[in-house]
Amino acid sequence: MVGVSPCVNEGRSHPSGGTVAASRDVEKLVFRIPSPALLAALAIAICVTPVAWTVPGLQVLYAVPVGYALWVVRNRTTVDSSQLVARSTFGKRVVAWDEVKAIKVVPRGWLSAVLTDDSLVRLPAVRALHLTALSEISGGRVPDPNAAPGSVESSE
């Protein structure tokens, strides 16, 4: 028996007790670096403080945690039914789904969109475990790796 993917069940419960909206009701998805990563910027700032105030001019070391925090806040990928928007620290790239030939999956990294001209567009914060959600929001343009394969009849 083949079950329905859990991400499309309407009203399924969340571990916190609330309900989760069905994927088909979502108009766009935003993939971000998790906010707790900003705690690392705070930790870096705390560790830099003793060194930064020993010699005049070393306060420039605070640029490291500020730059890291900026990177965490800016890097994201927004996906809707018509396009992908990959935002990096200093720019963004808008790609229509018609320009996407494939999705390059990296086991321990961010995914990349392979365009029709064979160039790559990195999709910040999108990982292999997000392929099911990408498949839903793209309307099937990205194949769902968790989907049940079609029934193949054997000729005996």
N, C-alpha and C. Protein backbone atom coordinates (compact mmCIF):
# COMPACT_ATOMS: atom_id res chain seq x y z
N MET A 1 0.85 -1.17 0.00
CA MET A 1 0.00 0.00 0.00
C MET A 1 0.89 1.24 0.00
N VAL A 2 0.57 2.17 -0.85
CA VAL A 2 1.35 3.39 -0.97
C VAL A 2 0.62 4.49 -0.22
N GLY A 3 1.33 5.15 0.69
CA GLY A 3 0.72 6.23 1.47
C GLY A 3 1.00 7.58 0.84
N VAL A 4 0.25 8.55 1.26
CA VAL A 4 0.43 9.92 0.79
C VAL A 4 1.58 10.54 1.55
N SER A 5 2.37 11.34 0.86
CA SER A 5 3.49 12.01 1.51
C SER A 5 2.99 12.84 2.68
N PRO A 6 3.68 12.79 3.83
CA PRO A 6 3.19 13.52 5.00
C PRO A 6 3.16 15.02 4.81
N CYS A 7 3.86 15.57 3.84
CA CYS A 7 3.87 17.02 3.69
C CYS A 7 2.62 17.54 3.00
N VAL A 8 1.77 16.66 2.47
CA VAL A 8 0.56 17.13 1.81
C VAL A 8 -0.70 16.79 2.59
N ASN A 9 -0.57 16.19 3.75
CA ASN A 9 -1.75 15.90 4.56
C ASN A 9 -2.25 17.19 5.18
N GLU A 10 -3.53 17.48 4.97
CA GLU A 10 -4.08 18.69 5.55
C GLU A 10 -4.28 18.50 7.04
N GLY A 11 -3.92 19.51 7.80
CA GLY A 11 -4.18 19.50 9.23
C GLY A 11 -3.35 18.51 10.02
N ARG A 12 -2.22 18.04 9.47
CA ARG A 12 -1.40 17.13 10.27
C ARG A 12 -0.84 17.88 11.45
N SER A 13 -0.60 17.20 12.53
CA SER A 13 -0.18 17.91 13.74
C SER A 13 1.32 18.10 13.76
N HIS A 14 1.72 19.17 14.37
CA HIS A 14 3.12 19.52 14.56
C HIS A 14 3.52 19.07 15.96
N PRO A 15 4.79 18.71 16.20
CA PRO A 15 5.20 18.29 17.54
C PRO A 15 4.88 19.31 18.64
N SER A 16 4.78 20.60 18.28
CA SER A 16 4.47 21.61 19.30
C SER A 16 2.99 21.66 19.62
N GLY A 17 2.18 20.89 18.91
CA GLY A 17 0.76 20.82 19.21
C GLY A 17 -0.11 21.53 18.20
N GLY A 18 0.43 22.40 17.36
CA GLY A 18 -0.35 23.11 16.36
C GLY A 18 -0.54 22.26 15.11
N THR A 19 -1.19 22.82 14.13
CA THR A 19 -1.36 22.11 12.87
C THR A 19 -0.50 22.77 11.81
N VAL A 20 -0.17 21.99 10.79
CA VAL A 20 0.66 22.45 9.70
C VAL A 20 -0.21 22.55 8.46
N ALA A 21 -0.10 23.65 7.73
CA ALA A 21 -0.90 23.82 6.52
C ALA A 21 -0.43 22.85 5.45
N ALA A 22 -1.32 22.46 4.62
CA ALA A 22 -0.97 21.57 3.51
C ALA A 22 -0.06 22.31 2.54
N SER A 23 0.84 21.59 1.88
CA SER A 23 1.80 22.21 0.97
C SER A 23 1.12 22.86 -0.23
N ARG A 24 0.00 22.32 -0.66
CA ARG A 24 -0.64 22.90 -1.83
C ARG A 24 -1.28 24.26 -1.52
N ASP A 25 -1.41 24.61 -0.24
CA ASP A 25 -1.94 25.91 0.14
C ASP A 25 -0.87 26.98 0.22
N VAL A 26 0.38 26.60 0.13
CA VAL A 26 1.50 27.53 0.27
C VAL A 26 1.81 28.15 -1.08
N GLU A 27 1.93 29.49 -1.12
CA GLU A 27 2.22 30.18 -2.37
C GLU A 27 3.71 30.29 -2.64
N LYS A 28 4.52 30.42 -1.57
CA LYS A 28 5.96 30.49 -1.75
C LYS A 28 6.65 29.92 -0.52
N LEU A 29 7.88 29.46 -0.73
CA LEU A 29 8.71 28.94 0.34
C LEU A 29 9.96 29.79 0.44
N VAL A 30 10.39 30.05 1.66
CA VAL A 30 11.63 30.79 1.89
C VAL A 30 12.54 29.88 2.71
N PHE A 31 13.69 29.56 2.14
CA PHE A 31 14.69 28.74 2.82
C PHE A 31 15.76 29.68 3.36
N ARG A 32 15.95 29.66 4.67
CA ARG A 32 16.93 30.54 5.33
C ARG A 32 17.89 29.72 6.18
N ILE A 33 19.00 30.35 6.51
CA ILE A 33 19.90 29.77 7.51
C ILE A 33 19.21 29.98 8.85
N PRO A 34 19.13 28.96 9.70
CA PRO A 34 18.40 29.09 10.96
C PRO A 34 18.91 30.25 11.82
N SER A 35 17.97 30.95 12.45
CA SER A 35 18.29 32.12 13.28
C SER A 35 19.26 31.84 14.42
N PRO A 36 19.23 30.66 15.04
CA PRO A 36 20.20 30.41 16.12
C PRO A 36 21.66 30.51 15.67
N ALA A 37 21.91 30.51 14.36
CA ALA A 37 23.28 30.71 13.88
C ALA A 37 23.80 32.09 14.26
N LEU A 38 22.89 33.02 14.56
CA LEU A 38 23.33 34.35 15.00
C LEU A 38 23.99 34.29 16.38
N LEU A 39 23.71 33.24 17.13
CA LEU A 39 24.38 33.08 18.42
C LEU A 39 25.88 32.90 18.25
N ALA A 40 26.28 32.31 17.13
CA ALA A 40 27.71 32.17 16.85
C ALA A 40 28.35 33.54 16.65
N ALA A 41 27.64 34.46 16.00
CA ALA A 41 28.16 35.82 15.83
C ALA A 41 28.34 36.50 17.18
N LEU A 42 27.39 36.29 18.07
CA LEU A 42 27.50 36.84 19.42
C LEU A 42 28.70 36.24 20.15
N ALA A 43 28.86 34.92 20.03
CA ALA A 43 29.99 34.26 20.68
C ALA A 43 31.33 34.76 20.14
N ILE A 44 31.40 34.97 18.83
CA ILE A 44 32.64 35.51 18.23
C ILE A 44 32.91 36.91 18.76
N ALA A 45 31.87 37.73 18.87
CA ALA A 45 32.04 39.09 19.37
C ALA A 45 32.53 39.08 20.82
N ILE A 46 32.01 38.18 21.62
CA ILE A 46 32.46 38.08 23.01
C ILE A 46 33.91 37.63 23.08
N CYS A 47 34.28 36.67 22.24
CA CYS A 47 35.67 36.18 22.25
C CYS A 47 36.66 37.20 21.71
N VAL A 48 36.23 38.06 20.81
CA VAL A 48 37.11 39.07 20.21
C VAL A 48 37.33 40.25 21.15
N THR A 49 36.41 40.49 22.07
CA THR A 49 36.45 41.67 22.92
C THR A 49 37.76 41.84 23.68
N PRO A 50 38.29 40.84 24.37
CA PRO A 50 39.54 41.07 25.11
C PRO A 50 40.71 41.48 24.20
N VAL A 51 40.76 40.90 23.00
CA VAL A 51 41.85 41.22 22.07
C VAL A 51 41.61 42.59 21.43
N ALA A 52 40.36 42.89 21.10
CA ALA A 52 40.05 44.12 20.38
C ALA A 52 40.34 45.37 21.20
N TRP A 53 40.33 45.28 22.52
CA TRP A 53 40.54 46.47 23.34
C TRP A 53 41.94 46.53 23.97
N THR A 54 42.84 45.62 23.57
CA THR A 54 44.20 45.68 24.11
C THR A 54 45.07 46.67 23.36
N VAL A 55 44.90 46.77 22.06
CA VAL A 55 45.70 47.66 21.23
C VAL A 55 44.74 48.55 20.43
N PRO A 56 45.00 49.85 20.43
CA PRO A 56 44.13 50.73 19.63
C PRO A 56 44.13 50.32 18.16
N GLY A 57 42.96 50.32 17.57
CA GLY A 57 42.83 49.95 16.16
C GLY A 57 42.37 48.53 15.94
N LEU A 58 42.49 47.68 16.96
CA LEU A 58 42.07 46.29 16.79
C LEU A 58 40.55 46.12 16.89
N GLN A 59 39.82 47.21 17.11
CA GLN A 59 38.37 47.13 17.14
C GLN A 59 37.82 46.70 15.78
N VAL A 60 38.67 46.78 14.76
CA VAL A 60 38.29 46.32 13.43
C VAL A 60 37.97 44.81 13.44
N LEU A 61 38.43 44.10 14.46
CA LEU A 61 38.11 42.67 14.57
C LEU A 61 36.62 42.42 14.72
N TYR A 62 35.87 43.41 15.16
CA TYR A 62 34.43 43.26 15.27
C TYR A 62 33.76 43.12 13.90
N ALA A 63 34.48 43.39 12.83
CA ALA A 63 33.94 43.20 11.49
C ALA A 63 33.66 41.72 11.20
N VAL A 64 34.40 40.83 11.86
CA VAL A 64 34.20 39.39 11.64
C VAL A 64 32.80 38.95 12.11
N PRO A 65 32.40 39.20 13.36
CA PRO A 65 31.06 38.78 13.74
C PRO A 65 29.94 39.55 13.03
N VAL A 66 30.20 40.82 12.72
CA VAL A 66 29.18 41.58 11.99
C VAL A 66 29.02 41.03 10.58
N GLY A 67 30.11 40.71 9.93
CA GLY A 67 30.05 40.12 8.59
C GLY A 67 29.36 38.77 8.59
N TYR A 68 29.66 37.95 9.60
CA TYR A 68 29.02 36.65 9.71
C TYR A 68 27.51 36.81 9.93
N ALA A 69 27.11 37.73 10.80
CA ALA A 69 25.68 37.97 11.04
C ALA A 69 24.99 38.45 9.77
N LEU A 70 25.63 39.31 9.02
CA LEU A 70 25.09 39.78 7.75
C LEU A 70 24.91 38.61 6.78
N TRP A 71 25.88 37.72 6.73
CA TRP A 71 25.80 36.54 5.87
C TRP A 71 24.62 35.66 6.26
N VAL A 72 24.41 35.44 7.55
CA VAL A 72 23.31 34.60 8.02
C VAL A 72 21.97 35.22 7.66
N VAL A 73 21.83 36.52 7.85
CA VAL A 73 20.56 37.19 7.62
C VAL A 73 20.24 37.31 6.13
N ARG A 74 21.23 37.57 5.29
CA ARG A 74 20.97 37.82 3.86
C ARG A 74 20.80 36.57 3.02
N ASN A 75 21.58 35.51 3.26
CA ASN A 75 21.53 34.33 2.40
C ASN A 75 20.21 33.60 2.56
N ARG A 76 19.48 33.48 1.46
CA ARG A 76 18.22 32.74 1.47
C ARG A 76 17.79 32.45 0.03
N THR A 77 16.87 31.51 -0.09
CA THR A 77 16.29 31.17 -1.37
C THR A 77 14.78 31.26 -1.24
N THR A 78 14.14 31.98 -2.13
CA THR A 78 12.68 32.08 -2.16
C THR A 78 12.19 31.38 -3.42
N VAL A 79 11.23 30.47 -3.24
CA VAL A 79 10.73 29.67 -4.35
C VAL A 79 9.22 29.81 -4.41
N ASP A 80 8.71 30.07 -5.61
CA ASP A 80 7.27 30.03 -5.81
C ASP A 80 6.98 29.23 -7.08
N SER A 81 5.75 29.24 -7.52
CA SER A 81 5.39 28.39 -8.67
C SER A 81 5.96 28.88 -9.99
N SER A 82 6.46 30.12 -10.05
CA SER A 82 6.97 30.64 -11.32
C SER A 82 8.48 30.88 -11.35
N GLN A 83 9.13 31.02 -10.18
CA GLN A 83 10.54 31.37 -10.19
C GLN A 83 11.26 30.98 -8.91
N LEU A 84 12.59 31.03 -9.01
CA LEU A 84 13.50 30.87 -7.87
C LEU A 84 14.22 32.19 -7.70
N VAL A 85 14.40 32.62 -6.45
CA VAL A 85 15.19 33.82 -6.17
C VAL A 85 16.27 33.41 -5.18
N ALA A 86 17.51 33.38 -5.64
CA ALA A 86 18.65 33.02 -4.81
C ALA A 86 19.34 34.31 -4.38
N ARG A 87 19.26 34.63 -3.09
CA ARG A 87 19.84 35.86 -2.57
C ARG A 87 21.12 35.53 -1.81
N SER A 88 22.21 36.16 -2.23
CA SER A 88 23.48 35.99 -1.53
C SER A 88 23.73 37.23 -0.68
N THR A 89 24.90 37.33 -0.09
CA THR A 89 25.20 38.44 0.79
C THR A 89 25.14 39.78 0.07
N PHE A 90 25.63 39.84 -1.15
CA PHE A 90 25.72 41.11 -1.86
C PHE A 90 24.93 41.19 -3.16
N GLY A 91 24.09 40.21 -3.45
CA GLY A 91 23.33 40.25 -4.69
C GLY A 91 22.23 39.21 -4.69
N LYS A 92 21.51 39.15 -5.80
CA LYS A 92 20.48 38.13 -5.94
C LYS A 92 20.37 37.73 -7.40
N ARG A 93 19.83 36.55 -7.58
CA ARG A 93 19.65 36.01 -8.93
C ARG A 93 18.23 35.47 -9.03
N VAL A 94 17.47 35.97 -9.99
CA VAL A 94 16.10 35.52 -10.22
C VAL A 94 16.12 34.60 -11.44
N VAL A 95 15.58 33.40 -11.27
CA VAL A 95 15.58 32.40 -12.33
C VAL A 95 14.16 31.87 -12.49
N ALA A 96 13.63 31.93 -13.70
CA ALA A 96 12.32 31.35 -13.97
C ALA A 96 12.45 29.83 -14.03
N TRP A 97 11.38 29.13 -13.66
CA TRP A 97 11.42 27.67 -13.69
C TRP A 97 11.68 27.15 -15.09
N ASP A 98 11.29 27.90 -16.12
CA ASP A 98 11.52 27.46 -17.51
C ASP A 98 13.00 27.40 -17.84
N GLU A 99 13.83 28.16 -17.13
CA GLU A 99 15.27 28.17 -17.37
C GLU A 99 16.01 27.05 -16.64
N VAL A 100 15.33 26.37 -15.72
CA VAL A 100 15.97 25.34 -14.90
C VAL A 100 15.87 24.00 -15.62
N LYS A 101 17.04 23.41 -15.89
CA LYS A 101 17.09 22.11 -16.54
C LYS A 101 17.08 20.97 -15.52
N ALA A 102 17.76 21.17 -14.38
CA ALA A 102 17.85 20.13 -13.36
C ALA A 102 18.27 20.78 -12.04
N ILE A 103 18.19 19.99 -10.99
CA ILE A 103 18.68 20.40 -9.67
C ILE A 103 19.86 19.50 -9.33
N LYS A 104 21.00 20.11 -9.06
CA LYS A 104 22.19 19.36 -8.69
C LYS A 104 22.16 19.14 -7.18
N VAL A 105 22.18 17.87 -6.78
CA VAL A 105 22.09 17.52 -5.37
C VAL A 105 23.49 17.20 -4.85
N VAL A 106 23.85 17.86 -3.78
CA VAL A 106 25.12 17.62 -3.10
C VAL A 106 24.76 17.04 -1.74
N PRO A 107 25.30 15.87 -1.38
CA PRO A 107 24.88 15.24 -0.13
C PRO A 107 25.04 16.11 1.12
N ARG A 108 26.12 16.85 1.23
CA ARG A 108 26.35 17.65 2.44
C ARG A 108 26.55 19.12 2.10
N GLY A 109 25.70 19.65 1.28
CA GLY A 109 25.84 21.05 0.91
C GLY A 109 24.54 21.60 0.36
N TRP A 110 24.60 22.83 -0.11
CA TRP A 110 23.43 23.47 -0.69
C TRP A 110 23.22 22.97 -2.10
N LEU A 111 21.97 22.89 -2.51
CA LEU A 111 21.64 22.46 -3.86
C LEU A 111 21.96 23.59 -4.84
N SER A 112 22.07 23.22 -6.10
CA SER A 112 22.28 24.20 -7.16
C SER A 112 21.29 23.91 -8.28
N ALA A 113 20.83 24.96 -8.92
CA ALA A 113 19.96 24.81 -10.09
C ALA A 113 20.85 24.81 -11.32
N VAL A 114 20.68 23.81 -12.17
CA VAL A 114 21.41 23.74 -13.44
C VAL A 114 20.50 24.37 -14.48
N LEU A 115 20.98 25.44 -15.10
CA LEU A 115 20.18 26.17 -16.07
C LEU A 115 20.32 25.56 -17.46
N THR A 116 19.48 26.00 -18.38
CA THR A 116 19.50 25.45 -19.73
C THR A 116 20.83 25.71 -20.45
N ASP A 117 21.57 26.74 -20.05
CA ASP A 117 22.88 27.01 -20.64
C ASP A 117 24.00 26.32 -19.87
N ASP A 118 23.65 25.35 -19.00
CA ASP A 118 24.57 24.54 -18.19
C ASP A 118 25.32 25.32 -17.12
N SER A 119 24.90 26.53 -16.82
CA SER A 119 25.50 27.26 -15.70
C SER A 119 24.79 26.84 -14.42
N LEU A 120 25.45 27.06 -13.29
CA LEU A 120 24.91 26.68 -11.99
C LEU A 120 24.53 27.93 -11.20
N VAL A 121 23.41 27.83 -10.50
CA VAL A 121 22.99 28.88 -9.56
C VAL A 121 22.84 28.19 -8.21
N ARG A 122 23.68 28.57 -7.26
CA ARG A 122 23.60 27.99 -5.93
C ARG A 122 22.34 28.47 -5.24
N LEU A 123 21.66 27.56 -4.57
CA LEU A 123 20.42 27.87 -3.85
C LEU A 123 20.73 27.88 -2.36
N PRO A 124 21.02 29.07 -1.79
CA PRO A 124 21.41 29.14 -0.38
C PRO A 124 20.35 28.54 0.55
N ALA A 125 20.82 27.76 1.50
CA ALA A 125 20.01 27.16 2.56
C ALA A 125 19.09 26.04 2.09
N VAL A 126 19.14 25.65 0.82
CA VAL A 126 18.31 24.55 0.33
C VAL A 126 19.16 23.29 0.32
N ARG A 127 18.69 22.27 1.03
CA ARG A 127 19.41 21.01 1.15
C ARG A 127 18.61 19.89 0.50
N ALA A 128 19.22 18.73 0.43
CA ALA A 128 18.59 17.57 -0.20
C ALA A 128 17.28 17.19 0.47
N LEU A 129 17.15 17.40 1.76
CA LEU A 129 15.91 17.04 2.45
C LEU A 129 14.76 17.96 2.07
N HIS A 130 15.02 19.06 1.38
CA HIS A 130 13.98 19.98 0.94
C HIS A 130 13.43 19.66 -0.45
N LEU A 131 13.90 18.58 -1.08
CA LEU A 131 13.48 18.27 -2.44
C LEU A 131 11.98 18.00 -2.54
N THR A 132 11.39 17.39 -1.53
CA THR A 132 9.94 17.13 -1.57
C THR A 132 9.17 18.45 -1.58
N ALA A 133 9.57 19.40 -0.75
CA ALA A 133 8.92 20.70 -0.73
C ALA A 133 9.13 21.44 -2.05
N LEU A 134 10.32 21.34 -2.63
CA LEU A 134 10.59 21.96 -3.93
C LEU A 134 9.71 21.36 -5.01
N SER A 135 9.52 20.06 -4.95
CA SER A 135 8.66 19.38 -5.92
C SER A 135 7.23 19.88 -5.82
N GLU A 136 6.74 20.04 -4.61
CA GLU A 136 5.37 20.51 -4.40
C GLU A 136 5.18 21.94 -4.91
N ILE A 137 6.07 22.83 -4.53
CA ILE A 137 5.89 24.24 -4.88
C ILE A 137 6.16 24.50 -6.36
N SER A 138 7.01 23.68 -6.99
CA SER A 138 7.33 23.88 -8.41
C SER A 138 6.29 23.25 -9.33
N GLY A 139 5.32 22.58 -8.75
CA GLY A 139 4.29 21.95 -9.58
C GLY A 139 4.80 20.72 -10.30
N GLY A 140 5.79 20.04 -9.72
CA GLY A 140 6.31 18.82 -10.31
C GLY A 140 7.48 19.03 -11.25
N ARG A 141 7.94 20.26 -11.43
CA ARG A 141 9.10 20.50 -12.30
C ARG A 141 10.35 19.87 -11.72
N VAL A 142 10.40 19.80 -10.39
CA VAL A 142 11.49 19.09 -9.70
C VAL A 142 10.90 17.76 -9.27
N PRO A 143 11.48 16.63 -9.70
CA PRO A 143 10.92 15.34 -9.30
C PRO A 143 11.08 15.10 -7.80
N ASP A 144 10.07 14.50 -7.21
CA ASP A 144 10.09 14.19 -5.78
C ASP A 144 10.80 12.86 -5.58
N PRO A 145 11.93 12.84 -4.87
CA PRO A 145 12.65 11.58 -4.66
C PRO A 145 11.92 10.62 -3.73
N ASN A 146 10.97 11.13 -2.94
CA ASN A 146 10.24 10.27 -2.02
C ASN A 146 8.93 9.76 -2.60
N ALA A 147 8.62 10.14 -3.82
CA ALA A 147 7.37 9.68 -4.45
C ALA A 147 7.47 8.21 -4.78
N ALA A 148 6.35 7.54 -4.67
CA ALA A 148 6.31 6.13 -5.02
C ALA A 148 6.45 5.98 -6.53
N PRO A 149 7.32 5.06 -6.96
CA PRO A 149 7.47 4.87 -8.42
C PRO A 149 6.16 4.34 -9.00
N GLY A 150 5.93 4.67 -10.26
CA GLY A 150 4.70 4.21 -10.94
C GLY A 150 4.67 2.70 -11.00
N SER A 151 3.49 2.17 -10.99
CA SER A 151 3.37 0.70 -11.03
C SER A 151 3.78 0.20 -12.39
N VAL A 152 4.69 -0.73 -12.41
CA VAL A 152 5.18 -1.33 -13.64
C VAL A 152 4.61 -2.73 -13.73
N GLU A 153 3.90 -3.00 -14.83
CA GLU A 153 3.31 -4.32 -14.99
C GLU A 153 4.30 -5.24 -15.64
N SER A 154 4.40 -6.43 -15.14
CA SER A 154 5.32 -7.39 -15.73
C SER A 154 4.58 -8.20 -16.79
N SER A 155 5.28 -8.56 -17.83
CA SER A 155 4.69 -9.37 -18.90
C SER A 155 5.11 -10.81 -18.71
N GLU A 156 4.21 -11.58 -18.11
CA GLU A 156 4.52 -12.99 -17.90
C GLU A 156 3.64 -13.82 -18.77
